[in-house]
Protein backbone atom coordinates (compact mmCIF):
# COMPACT_ATOMS: atom_id res chain seq x y z
CA MET A 1 -14.82 -12.25 -116.14
CA PRO A 2 -17.72 -10.74 -116.47
CA PRO A 3 -17.97 -7.54 -119.33
CA ALA A 4 -17.75 -4.29 -117.67
CA LEU A 5 -21.46 -3.59 -118.92
CA ALA A 6 -23.79 -5.61 -120.91
CA LEU A 7 -27.73 -5.04 -122.23
CA SER A 8 -29.62 -8.66 -121.87
CA GLY A 9 -26.16 -10.59 -121.28
CA ILE A 10 -24.67 -9.03 -124.34
CA PRO A 11 -21.55 -7.52 -123.73
CA LEU A 12 -21.40 -3.48 -124.91
CA PRO A 13 -18.02 -2.10 -124.73
CA VAL A 14 -17.30 0.97 -122.99
CA SER A 15 -14.28 3.00 -124.53
CA ALA A 16 -11.36 3.17 -121.78
CA GLU A 17 -10.31 6.33 -122.77
CA ARG A 18 -13.51 7.77 -121.96
CA GLY A 19 -14.99 5.84 -119.61
CA LEU A 20 -17.92 5.32 -118.20
CA THR A 21 -19.49 8.20 -116.69
CA TYR A 22 -22.82 7.97 -114.02
CA THR A 23 -24.96 11.12 -113.37
CA PRO A 24 -27.15 10.99 -110.89
CA THR A 25 -31.05 12.34 -110.95
CA LEU A 26 -33.66 12.65 -107.64
CA LEU A 27 -37.19 11.93 -108.04
CA GLY A 28 -38.15 14.58 -105.92
CA GLU A 29 -37.02 18.31 -104.86
CA HIS A 30 -34.76 19.38 -101.58
CA ARG A 31 -36.02 23.26 -101.31
CA ARG A 32 -35.86 25.04 -97.75
CA ALA A 33 -38.70 26.60 -96.19
CA PHE A 34 -39.72 30.18 -94.99
CA SER A 35 -38.47 29.09 -91.99
CA GLY A 36 -35.20 27.86 -93.26
CA TRP A 37 -35.10 24.36 -92.82
CA LEU A 38 -34.29 22.14 -95.61
CA ARG A 39 -36.89 20.17 -96.91
CA SER A 40 -36.69 17.15 -98.66
CA SER A 41 -39.39 15.39 -101.13
CA GLU A 42 -36.73 13.17 -101.95
CA ARG A 43 -38.04 9.78 -103.38
CA ARG A 44 -35.22 7.94 -104.33
CA GLU A 45 -32.13 8.58 -107.08
CA VAL A 46 -32.07 6.94 -111.12
CA PHE A 47 -28.82 6.96 -112.82
CA THR A 48 -28.04 7.73 -116.40
CA LEU A 49 -24.85 6.37 -117.85
CA ALA A 50 -23.16 7.83 -120.45
CA GLY A 51 -19.77 6.10 -122.30
CA ASN A 52 -18.45 5.40 -125.68
CA THR A 53 -18.19 2.65 -127.60
CA GLY A 54 -14.70 2.47 -128.99
CA PRO A 55 -14.20 1.62 -132.80
CA LEU A 56 -16.27 -0.83 -134.14
CA THR A 57 -16.67 -2.31 -137.59
CA GLN A 58 -19.73 -1.03 -139.92
CA GLU A 59 -21.81 -4.26 -138.83
CA GLU A 60 -20.96 -4.31 -134.95
CA ALA A 61 -22.38 -0.48 -134.84
CA ARG A 62 -25.21 -1.26 -136.83
CA ALA A 63 -25.78 -4.09 -134.33
CA TYR A 64 -25.23 -2.14 -131.24
CA ARG A 65 -26.90 1.01 -132.07
CA GLY A 66 -30.32 -1.43 -133.17
CA LEU A 67 -29.47 -3.05 -129.81
CA LEU A 68 -29.40 0.20 -127.83
CA LYS A 69 -32.80 1.64 -129.79
CA GLY A 70 -34.92 -1.21 -129.16
CA GLU A 71 -35.17 -2.23 -132.64
CA GLY A 72 -36.50 -4.92 -133.68
CA GLN A 73 -39.71 -7.37 -131.90
CA VAL A 74 -39.72 -9.40 -129.44
CA TRP A 75 -42.19 -12.32 -128.18
CA SER A 76 -42.29 -13.03 -124.61
CA PHE A 77 -45.39 -15.29 -125.05
CA GLU A 78 -46.90 -13.71 -121.11
CA ASP A 79 -50.06 -11.73 -122.92
CA GLY A 80 -50.49 -13.95 -125.94
CA LEU A 81 -49.06 -14.02 -129.30
CA ARG A 82 -48.37 -10.64 -129.11
CA SER A 83 -45.04 -9.06 -129.22
CA HIS A 84 -43.62 -6.49 -126.85
CA ALA A 85 -44.63 -4.01 -130.52
CA PHE A 86 -48.36 -5.82 -130.70
CA LEU A 87 -47.19 -7.62 -133.31
CA SER A 88 -49.33 -10.53 -134.17
CA PRO A 89 -49.24 -13.25 -136.24
CA SER A 90 -50.76 -13.06 -139.73
CA ALA A 91 -50.69 -17.02 -140.33
CA MET A 92 -50.86 -20.01 -138.73
CA VAL A 93 -51.75 -23.87 -139.80
CA GLY A 94 -52.90 -26.24 -136.90
CA ASN A 95 -52.47 -25.47 -133.24
CA VAL A 96 -50.79 -23.20 -132.12
CA TRP A 97 -51.43 -20.91 -129.07
CA ALA A 98 -49.71 -19.23 -125.64
CA VAL A 99 -49.52 -21.17 -122.64
CA GLU A 100 -48.42 -19.91 -119.05
CA ALA A 101 -46.42 -21.00 -116.73
CA VAL A 102 -43.99 -24.02 -118.38
CA GLY A 103 -41.65 -21.54 -120.36
CA ARG A 104 -37.99 -20.69 -119.67
CA PHE A 105 -38.88 -17.46 -118.52
CA GLY A 106 -42.73 -18.54 -117.62
CA GLY A 107 -44.94 -18.24 -120.65
CA CYS A 108 -44.62 -19.43 -124.07
CA MET A 109 -45.89 -20.34 -127.29
CA ARG A 110 -46.46 -24.42 -127.81
CA MET A 111 -47.05 -25.75 -130.98
CA GLU A 112 -48.33 -29.11 -131.83
CA ALA A 113 -46.37 -31.66 -134.54
CA GLY A 114 -46.85 -30.40 -137.61
CA ALA A 115 -48.24 -26.73 -136.81
CA SER A 116 -46.68 -23.37 -138.22
CA VAL A 117 -47.01 -19.36 -137.65
CA THR A 118 -46.11 -17.04 -138.88
CA PHE A 119 -45.08 -13.04 -138.18
CA PRO A 120 -45.39 -10.36 -140.63
CA THR A 121 -41.98 -8.31 -139.55
CA GLY A 122 -41.35 -7.24 -143.20
CA PHE A 123 -37.31 -7.39 -143.23
CA GLY A 124 -34.64 -7.56 -145.66
CA ALA A 125 -31.52 -9.27 -146.86
CA LYS A 126 -29.89 -8.95 -143.58
CA TRP A 127 -31.96 -10.24 -140.12
CA THR A 128 -31.19 -12.46 -136.44
CA VAL A 129 -34.25 -14.91 -135.32
CA ALA A 130 -33.40 -16.01 -132.20
CA TYR A 131 -35.50 -19.15 -129.57
CA TRP A 132 -35.53 -21.01 -126.90
CA TRP A 133 -37.41 -24.31 -127.16
CA LYS A 134 -37.68 -27.78 -126.10
CA ARG A 135 -40.29 -30.99 -126.30
CA GLU A 136 -43.37 -30.79 -123.97
CA GLY A 137 -43.67 -33.49 -121.78
CA THR A 138 -39.87 -34.58 -121.63
CA LYS A 139 -36.90 -33.71 -119.02
CA ASP A 140 -34.75 -31.89 -121.53
CA ARG A 141 -33.23 -28.56 -120.87
CA TRP A 142 -34.14 -25.84 -123.19
CA LYS A 143 -31.90 -25.27 -126.16
CA HIS A 144 -31.06 -21.74 -127.82
CA HIS A 145 -31.33 -21.35 -131.67
CA VAL A 146 -29.55 -17.95 -133.28
CA HIS A 147 -30.38 -17.77 -137.10
CA ARG A 148 -28.59 -15.47 -138.75
CA ALA A 149 -28.82 -14.06 -142.60
CA GLY A 150 -26.00 -15.36 -144.97
CA VAL A 151 -24.69 -17.46 -142.07
CA GLY A 152 -26.67 -20.27 -140.29
CA LEU A 153 -27.50 -21.58 -137.37
CA ASN A 154 -26.11 -21.39 -133.98
CA VAL A 155 -27.00 -23.63 -131.18
CA ASN A 156 -26.34 -23.37 -127.20
CA GLY A 157 -23.37 -21.05 -128.49
CA VAL A 158 -21.60 -22.85 -130.36
CA PRO A 159 -19.07 -20.81 -132.65
CA GLY A 160 -19.89 -23.26 -135.38
CA THR A 161 -23.19 -22.98 -137.41
CA SER A 162 -25.30 -25.36 -139.03
CA PRO A 163 -28.18 -25.02 -141.94
CA HIS A 164 -30.93 -22.76 -140.44
CA SER A 165 -33.14 -26.16 -141.66
CA ASP A 166 -31.52 -27.49 -138.77
CA GLY A 167 -33.84 -25.47 -136.70
CA PHE A 168 -37.73 -24.61 -136.73
CA LEU A 169 -37.39 -21.20 -139.02
CA VAL A 170 -38.61 -21.19 -142.59
CA VAL A 171 -36.33 -20.16 -144.66
CA ASP A 172 -36.84 -20.45 -148.60
CA GLY A 173 -33.83 -21.77 -151.13
CA ALA A 174 -31.52 -18.68 -151.12
CA GLY A 175 -31.55 -18.92 -146.79
CA GLN A 176 -33.93 -15.88 -146.37
CA LEU A 177 -37.20 -14.71 -144.68
CA ALA A 178 -40.39 -15.59 -147.09
CA GLN A 179 -41.29 -11.86 -147.95
CA GLY A 180 -39.45 -10.26 -144.85
CA ALA A 181 -41.90 -12.78 -142.55
CA VAL A 182 -40.59 -14.94 -139.18
CA SER A 183 -42.27 -18.45 -139.77
CA LEU A 184 -41.91 -21.29 -137.59
CA ARG A 185 -42.26 -24.66 -138.26
CA ASP A 186 -42.23 -27.99 -136.57
CA VAL A 187 -41.91 -31.97 -138.16
CA GLU A 188 -44.61 -33.89 -137.48
CA GLY A 189 -44.48 -36.97 -134.96
CA GLN A 190 -42.68 -35.48 -132.81
CA GLY A 191 -44.19 -34.17 -130.26
CA ALA A 192 -45.82 -30.54 -128.93
CA LEU A 193 -42.86 -27.80 -129.35
CA LEU A 194 -42.16 -25.52 -126.70
CA VAL A 195 -40.74 -21.82 -127.98
CA ASP A 196 -40.26 -19.18 -125.49
CA GLU A 197 -38.58 -15.65 -126.04
CA LEU A 198 -38.70 -15.21 -129.94
CA VAL A 199 -36.30 -12.49 -131.04
CA ALA A 200 -36.44 -11.07 -134.35
CA LEU A 201 -33.88 -7.98 -135.00
CA PRO A 202 -33.10 -6.50 -138.57
CA TRP A 203 -30.13 -7.23 -138.44
CA VAL A 204 -27.15 -10.30 -138.25
CA VAL A 205 -25.60 -10.16 -134.61
CA PRO A 206 -22.52 -10.24 -134.55
CA ALA A 207 -20.84 -13.76 -134.42
CA SER A 208 -19.19 -12.16 -130.96
CA TRP A 209 -22.39 -11.98 -128.99
CA VAL A 210 -23.82 -15.43 -130.06
CA ALA A 211 -21.89 -17.37 -126.69
CA PRO A 212 -22.28 -14.99 -124.21
CA TRP A 213 -26.50 -14.33 -124.94
CA HIS A 214 -26.69 -18.34 -124.26
CA ALA A 215 -24.25 -17.95 -121.30
CA ALA A 216 -26.32 -15.44 -119.62
CA GLY A 217 -29.77 -17.13 -119.74
CA GLU A 218 -31.72 -14.11 -118.93
CA PRO A 219 -34.64 -12.90 -121.11
CA PHE A 220 -33.96 -10.45 -123.79
CA GLY A 221 -35.47 -6.59 -122.65
CA ALA A 222 -36.40 -5.93 -119.06
CA PRO A 223 -39.01 -5.76 -120.96
CA TYR A 224 -38.18 -4.94 -124.54
CA PRO A 225 -37.03 -2.27 -125.82
CA TYR A 226 -35.90 -1.78 -121.76
CA HIS A 227 -32.56 -3.90 -121.44
CA ARG A 228 -31.35 -5.16 -118.24
CA ALA A 229 -27.83 -3.48 -117.58
CA SER A 230 -25.17 -5.63 -115.46
CA GLY A 231 -21.41 -6.01 -115.47
CA ALA A 232 -18.59 -5.21 -113.23
CA ALA A 233 -19.42 -1.52 -113.90
CA LEU A 234 -22.19 -1.44 -112.10
CA TYR A 235 -22.85 -1.93 -108.12
CA GLU A 236 -26.70 -4.38 -108.60
CA ALA A 237 -28.29 -4.54 -111.97
CA LEU A 238 -30.79 -1.87 -113.21
CA PRO A 239 -33.58 -1.50 -116.42
CA VAL A 240 -32.28 1.03 -118.25
CA LEU A 241 -33.46 2.12 -121.87
CA GLY A 242 -30.81 2.95 -124.16
CA ARG A 243 -29.85 6.13 -126.60
CA VAL A 244 -27.46 6.58 -128.60
CA GLY A 245 -25.39 9.45 -129.47
CA THR A 246 -23.18 11.35 -131.86
CA GLY A 247 -20.70 8.98 -133.87
CA ARG A 248 -17.13 8.94 -135.94
CA ALA A 249 -15.94 7.68 -138.15
CA VAL A 250 -12.34 5.49 -137.45
CA GLN A 251 -10.07 4.19 -139.66
CA TRP A 252 -7.13 1.56 -138.36
CA TRP A 253 -4.98 -1.19 -139.78
CA GLU A 254 -5.92 -5.41 -139.38
CA GLY A 255 -4.25 -7.61 -140.78
CA GLY A 256 -2.56 -5.33 -143.72
CA VAL A 257 -6.02 -4.01 -144.42
CA LEU A 258 -7.46 -0.56 -143.85
CA VAL A 259 -10.70 -1.11 -141.99
CA LEU A 260 -13.16 2.08 -141.85
CA GLY A 261 -15.34 2.06 -139.16
CA GLN A 262 -16.86 4.31 -136.56
CA GLU A 263 -17.71 4.76 -133.15
CA PHE A 264 -20.59 6.67 -130.76
CA ASP A 265 -21.42 8.00 -127.88
CA PHE A 266 -24.51 6.30 -125.68
CA GLU A 267 -27.13 6.69 -123.06
CA LEU A 268 -28.18 4.13 -120.59
CA GLN A 269 -31.75 5.77 -118.10
CA GLU A 270 -32.23 3.73 -115.51
CA ARG A 271 -36.32 3.37 -115.43
């Protein structure tokens, strides 16, 4: 069963108690002429969706706040090697460039065997790096890698994790990003590597995101920081920009342990 609401394939929790509200905004106006006739210059109608997340752990709340606010960097490689926020590589070894029309969603990054590229994201100890990849010239399907700090590598939405070294992200001996930068490196002798939809987030995504992120098979953003909102609560998918509202501390018992978390209000404004 599809979730009530999802952003770029990531299910967004909505409190059943408070529900989801739909506020329309008319682009144009209705008014009466001196003769009394009602005139309309309305061009279209857009919606603002508002709801509440319900109780979340602190880690989940951090992740959903960042998702709604559009934090982090996303490279679609449609306009070269710049991210949506114009972050370009700070270092490259070997041949690395953006190519058109051969990626998972359009353009992608091509890395020759043995090449590496570094993006100066400046992250701290908590981060997530995800990307789609395949070998050039093969009939293999695109694979989805999600690297999570302190957790490891998830492949194609599978819950179990592998070492970061099984992917292409470069980490140090402590499993952290060197100087907080996202570096991808291809091993030599394996043929050119194609990378699409590189996503770098300054938080550790919850385990519950991994499977639906892969299953959705859609770009992360519309484009980022906008999202494609979808789900059973919508008649059709909408491009939206998120906004975080007031939060409240909540607590509950779970497995005999008192958990202190939070809930917060949010808005999704249609573009």
